Amino acid sequence: MKLNPFHLAIPVHDLPAARRFYGEVFGLPEGRSDTHWVDFDFYGHQLVIHEHPKTASQESAHTNAVDGHDVPVPHFGIVLDWGDWEALAGRLRGFGTRFVIEPYVRFKGQVGEQATMFLLDPCGNALEFKAFKDMGQLFAK
């Protein structure tokens, strides 16, 4: 299956802090930029951070219960290979990242078993990174 790169533009109320976070903490390559926005290569996808006043969801995220955890909504992220997910979790811990939901394996022993972690960027945007031992179960019920 061919995946086309997605384009996602998100609001950030502190452009320099968000630029450091995505560039240094995640190590994402930076693309084009201007005084009020920056493009990043987000695992082959185009993530753009746009300077914008703080939004309601950045002030106080809504949550939904999933597997005994309060998952922030809205959120975005990427599905990584298991080893890449483990490496990212280690990298984030090395930077002293505070997680909303610490890295763990959910739905253990069930269809769709996955590793996941949730965190916030410096502007309150929620991100989820996950991995499946069996990528064929990405949409399994």
C-alpha atoms as a PDB file:
ATOM      1  CA  MET A   1       0.000   0.000   0.000  1.00  0.00           C
ATOM      2  CA  LYS A   2       1.402   3.385  -1.005  1.00  0.00           C
ATOM      3  CA  LEU A   3       1.053   6.098   1.607  1.00  0.00           C
ATOM      4  CA  ASN A   4       0.939   9.705   0.512  1.00  0.00           C
ATOM      5  CA  PRO A   5       2.551  12.234   2.852  1.00  0.00           C
ATOM      6  CA  PHE A   6       0.051  14.185   4.895  1.00  0.00           C
ATOM      7  CA  HIS A   7       0.255  17.904   5.611  1.00  0.00           C
ATOM      8  CA  LEU A   8      -0.653  19.048   9.106  1.00  0.00           C
ATOM      9  CA  ALA A   9      -0.525  22.653  10.315  1.00  0.00           C
ATOM     10  CA  ILE A  10      -0.807  23.233  14.076  1.00  0.00           C
ATOM     11  CA  PRO A  11      -0.962  26.383  16.205  1.00  0.00           C
ATOM     12  CA  VAL A  12       1.913  27.272  18.533  1.00  0.00           C
ATOM     13  CA  HIS A  13       1.892  30.300  20.823  1.00  0.00           C
ATOM     14  CA  ASP A  14       5.669  30.179  21.384  1.00  0.00           C
ATOM     15  CA  LEU A  15       7.316  29.660  17.994  1.00  0.00           C
ATOM     16  CA  PRO A  16      10.952  29.568  19.252  1.00  0.00           C
ATOM     17  CA  ALA A  17      10.145  26.972  21.955  1.00  0.00           C
ATOM     18  CA  ALA A  18       8.153  24.813  19.536  1.00  0.00           C
ATOM     19  CA  ARG A  19      10.909  25.090  16.913  1.00  0.00           C
ATOM     20  CA  ARG A  20      13.490  23.861  19.463  1.00  0.00           C
ATOM     21  CA  PHE A  21      11.189  21.063  20.613  1.00  0.00           C
ATOM     22  CA  TYR A  22      10.489  19.626  17.162  1.00  0.00           C
ATOM     23  CA  GLY A  23      13.988  20.300  15.853  1.00  0.00           C
ATOM     24  CA  GLU A  24      16.145  19.359  18.844  1.00  0.00           C
ATOM     25  CA  VAL A  25      14.106  17.020  21.043  1.00  0.00           C
ATOM     26  CA  PHE A  26      12.649  15.061  18.124  1.00  0.00           C
ATOM     27  CA  GLY A  27      15.535  15.754  15.755  1.00  0.00           C
ATOM     28  CA  LEU A  28      13.171  16.552  12.881  1.00  0.00           C
ATOM     29  CA  PRO A  29      14.766  18.145   9.800  1.00  0.00           C
ATOM     30  CA  GLU A  30      13.571  21.693   9.247  1.00  0.00           C
ATOM     31  CA  GLY A  31      12.239  22.744   5.853  1.00  0.00           C
ATOM     32  CA  ARG A  32      11.046  26.160   4.737  1.00  0.00           C
ATOM     33  CA  SER A  33      10.233  28.803   7.307  1.00  0.00           C
ATOM     34  CA  ASP A  34       9.201  32.405   7.707  1.00  0.00           C
ATOM     35  CA  THR A  35       8.862  34.715  10.698  1.00  0.00           C
ATOM     36  CA  HIS A  36       5.547  33.119  11.789  1.00  0.00           C
ATOM     37  CA  TRP A  37       5.818  29.454  10.688  1.00  0.00           C
ATOM     38  CA  VAL A  38       8.251  26.558  10.268  1.00  0.00           C
ATOM     39  CA  ASP A  39       7.994  23.357   8.184  1.00  0.00           C
ATOM     40  CA  PHE A  40       9.363  20.069   9.550  1.00  0.00           C
ATOM     41  CA  ASP A  41       9.874  16.671   7.989  1.00  0.00           C
ATOM     42  CA  PHE A  42       7.740  14.651  10.417  1.00  0.00           C
ATOM     43  CA  TYR A  43       8.764  11.096   9.500  1.00  0.00           C
ATOM     44  CA  GLY A  44       8.195  11.798   5.809  1.00  0.00           C
ATOM     45  CA  HIS A  45       5.144  13.989   6.365  1.00  0.00           C
ATOM     46  CA  GLN A  46       4.890  17.764   6.383  1.00  0.00           C
ATOM     47  CA  LEU A  47       4.268  19.272   9.809  1.00  0.00           C
ATOM     48  CA  VAL A  48       3.968  23.046   9.943  1.00  0.00           C
ATOM     49  CA  ILE A  49       3.972  24.982  13.191  1.00  0.00           C
ATOM     50  CA  HIS A  50       2.170  28.314  12.862  1.00  0.00           C
ATOM     51  CA  GLU A  51       2.427  31.100  15.401  1.00  0.00           C
ATOM     52  CA  HIS A  52      -1.061  31.597  16.823  1.00  0.00           C
ATOM     53  CA  PRO A  53      -2.602  32.660  20.151  1.00  0.00           C
ATOM     54  CA  LYS A  54      -3.178  29.830  22.617  1.00  0.00           C
ATOM     55  CA  THR A  55      -6.239  27.736  21.730  1.00  0.00           C
ATOM     56  CA  ALA A  56      -8.812  26.297  24.143  1.00  0.00           C
ATOM     57  CA  SER A  57      -7.512  22.741  23.617  1.00  0.00           C
ATOM     58  CA  GLN A  58      -3.981  23.911  24.453  1.00  0.00           C
ATOM     59  CA  GLU A  59      -5.265  25.480  27.687  1.00  0.00           C
ATOM     60  CA  SER A  60      -7.119  22.394  28.857  1.00  0.00           C
ATOM     61  CA  ALA A  61      -7.242  19.240  26.785  1.00  0.00           C
ATOM     62  CA  HIS A  62     -10.378  17.121  26.729  1.00  0.00           C
ATOM     63  CA  THR A  63      -9.743  13.436  27.424  1.00  0.00           C
ATOM     64  CA  ASN A  64     -11.374  10.122  26.592  1.00  0.00           C
ATOM     65  CA  ALA A  65     -10.793   6.940  28.576  1.00  0.00           C
ATOM     66  CA  VAL A  66      -8.805   4.301  26.671  1.00  0.00           C
ATOM     67  CA  ASP A  67      -7.378   1.209  28.356  1.00  0.00           C
ATOM     68  CA  GLY A  68      -7.580   2.851  31.781  1.00  0.00           C
ATOM     69  CA  HIS A  69      -5.845   6.083  30.735  1.00  0.00           C
ATOM     70  CA  ASP A  70      -7.112   9.593  29.982  1.00  0.00           C
ATOM     71  CA  VAL A  71      -6.155  10.125  26.343  1.00  0.00           C
ATOM     72  CA  PRO A  72      -5.952  13.809  25.351  1.00  0.00           C
ATOM     73  CA  VAL A  73      -8.170  14.924  22.453  1.00  0.00           C
ATOM     74  CA  PRO A  74      -7.242  16.275  19.986  1.00  0.00           C
ATOM     75  CA  HIS A  75      -3.863  14.660  19.370  1.00  0.00           C
ATOM     76  CA  PHE A  76      -1.723  13.564  16.441  1.00  0.00           C
ATOM     77  CA  GLY A  77       1.345  11.434  15.935  1.00  0.00           C
ATOM     78  CA  ILE A  78       2.850   8.636  13.933  1.00  0.00           C
ATOM     79  CA  VAL A  79       2.967   4.835  13.954  1.00  0.00           C
ATOM     80  CA  LEU A  80       6.590   3.705  14.111  1.00  0.00           C
ATOM     81  CA  ASP A  81       8.384   0.379  13.847  1.00  0.00           C
ATOM     82  CA  TRP A  82       8.761  -1.186  17.304  1.00  0.00           C
ATOM     83  CA  GLY A  83      12.503  -0.540  17.502  1.00  0.00           C
ATOM     84  CA  ASP A  84      12.104   3.069  16.342  1.00  0.00           C
ATOM     85  CA  TRP A  85       9.378   3.592  18.961  1.00  0.00           C
ATOM     86  CA  GLU A  86      11.661   2.254  21.696  1.00  0.00           C
ATOM     87  CA  ALA A  87      14.497   4.497  20.487  1.00  0.00           C
ATOM     88  CA  LEU A  88      12.197   7.547  20.467  1.00  0.00           C
ATOM     89  CA  ALA A  89      10.950   6.757  23.980  1.00  0.00           C
ATOM     90  CA  GLY A  90      14.570   6.595  25.133  1.00  0.00           C
ATOM     91  CA  ARG A  91      15.439   9.843  23.347  1.00  0.00           C
ATOM     92  CA  LEU A  92      12.472  11.639  24.912  1.00  0.00           C
ATOM     93  CA  ARG A  93      13.362  10.341  28.362  1.00  0.00           C
ATOM     94  CA  GLY A  94      16.940  11.523  27.783  1.00  0.00           C
ATOM     95  CA  PHE A  95      15.600  15.029  27.193  1.00  0.00           C
ATOM     96  CA  GLY A  96      13.611  14.842  30.446  1.00  0.00           C
ATOM     97  CA  THR A  97      10.258  14.823  28.654  1.00  0.00           C
ATOM     98  CA  ARG A  98       7.191  14.817  30.888  1.00  0.00           C
ATOM     99  CA  PHE A  99       4.685  12.345  29.489  1.00  0.00           C
ATOM    100  CA  VAL A 100       0.923  12.684  29.708  1.00  0.00           C
ATOM    101  CA  ILE A 101       0.847   8.881  29.432  1.00  0.00           C
ATOM    102  CA  GLU A 102       4.193   7.156  30.029  1.00  0.00           C
ATOM    103  CA  PRO A 103       5.395   4.733  27.349  1.00  0.00           C
ATOM    104  CA  TYR A 104       3.706   1.348  27.812  1.00  0.00           C
ATOM    105  CA  VAL A 105       2.098  -1.548  25.923  1.00  0.00           C
ATOM    106  CA  ARG A 106      -1.687  -1.440  25.767  1.00  0.00           C
ATOM    107  CA  PHE A 107      -4.224  -4.092  24.756  1.00  0.00           C
ATOM    108  CA  LYS A 108      -1.570  -6.615  25.830  1.00  0.00           C
ATOM    109  CA  GLY A 109      -2.390 -10.075  24.552  1.00  0.00           C
ATOM    110  CA  GLN A 110      -5.306  -8.747  22.481  1.00  0.00           C
ATOM    111  CA  VAL A 111      -5.812  -7.983  18.823  1.00  0.00           C
ATOM    112  CA  GLY A 112      -4.230  -4.584  18.190  1.00  0.00           C
ATOM    113  CA  GLU A 113      -1.600  -4.872  20.957  1.00  0.00           C
ATOM    114  CA  GLN A 114       0.501  -1.735  20.697  1.00  0.00           C
ATOM    115  CA  ALA A 115       3.149   0.354  22.378  1.00  0.00           C
ATOM    116  CA  THR A 116       2.075   3.944  22.960  1.00  0.00           C
ATOM    117  CA  MET A 117       3.082   7.154  24.667  1.00  0.00           C
ATOM    118  CA  PHE A 118       1.509  10.609  24.895  1.00  0.00           C
ATOM    119  CA  LEU A 119       3.171  13.951  25.525  1.00  0.00           C
ATOM    120  CA  LEU A 120       2.573  17.654  24.998  1.00  0.00           C
ATOM    121  CA  ASP A 121       4.701  20.042  22.995  1.00  0.00           C
ATOM    122  CA  PRO A 122       5.674  23.324  24.737  1.00  0.00           C
ATOM    123  CA  CYS A 123       2.453  24.910  23.461  1.00  0.00           C
ATOM    124  CA  GLY A 124       0.093  22.226  24.743  1.00  0.00           C
ATOM    125  CA  ASN A 125      -0.447  20.275  21.503  1.00  0.00           C
ATOM    126  CA  ALA A 126      -0.892  16.585  22.354  1.00  0.00           C
ATOM    127  CA  LEU A 127       1.103  13.960  20.459  1.00  0.00           C
ATOM    128  CA  GLU A 128       0.851  10.170  20.434  1.00  0.00           C
ATOM    129  CA  PHE A 129       3.519   7.817  19.172  1.00  0.00           C
ATOM    130  CA  LYS A 130       2.692   4.156  18.798  1.00  0.00           C
ATOM    131  CA  ALA A 131       4.032   0.910  17.387  1.00  0.00           C
ATOM    132  CA  PHE A 132       2.552  -2.488  16.627  1.00  0.00           C
ATOM    133  CA  LYS A 133       4.452  -5.755  16.915  1.00  0.00           C
ATOM    134  CA  ASP A 134       2.257  -6.814  13.957  1.00  0.00           C
ATOM    135  CA  MET A 135       1.692  -3.795  11.677  1.00  0.00           C
ATOM    136  CA  GLY A 136      -1.017  -5.866   9.959  1.00  0.00           C
ATOM    137  CA  GLN A 137      -3.181  -5.246  13.048  1.00  0.00           C
ATOM    138  CA  LEU A 138      -3.177  -1.466  12.622  1.00  0.00           C
ATOM    139  CA  PHE A 139      -6.923  -1.489  11.786  1.00  0.00           C
ATOM    140  CA  ALA A 140      -7.857  -4.851  13.330  1.00  0.00           C
ATOM    141  CA  LYS A 141     -10.989  -5.049  15.476  1.00  0.00           C
END
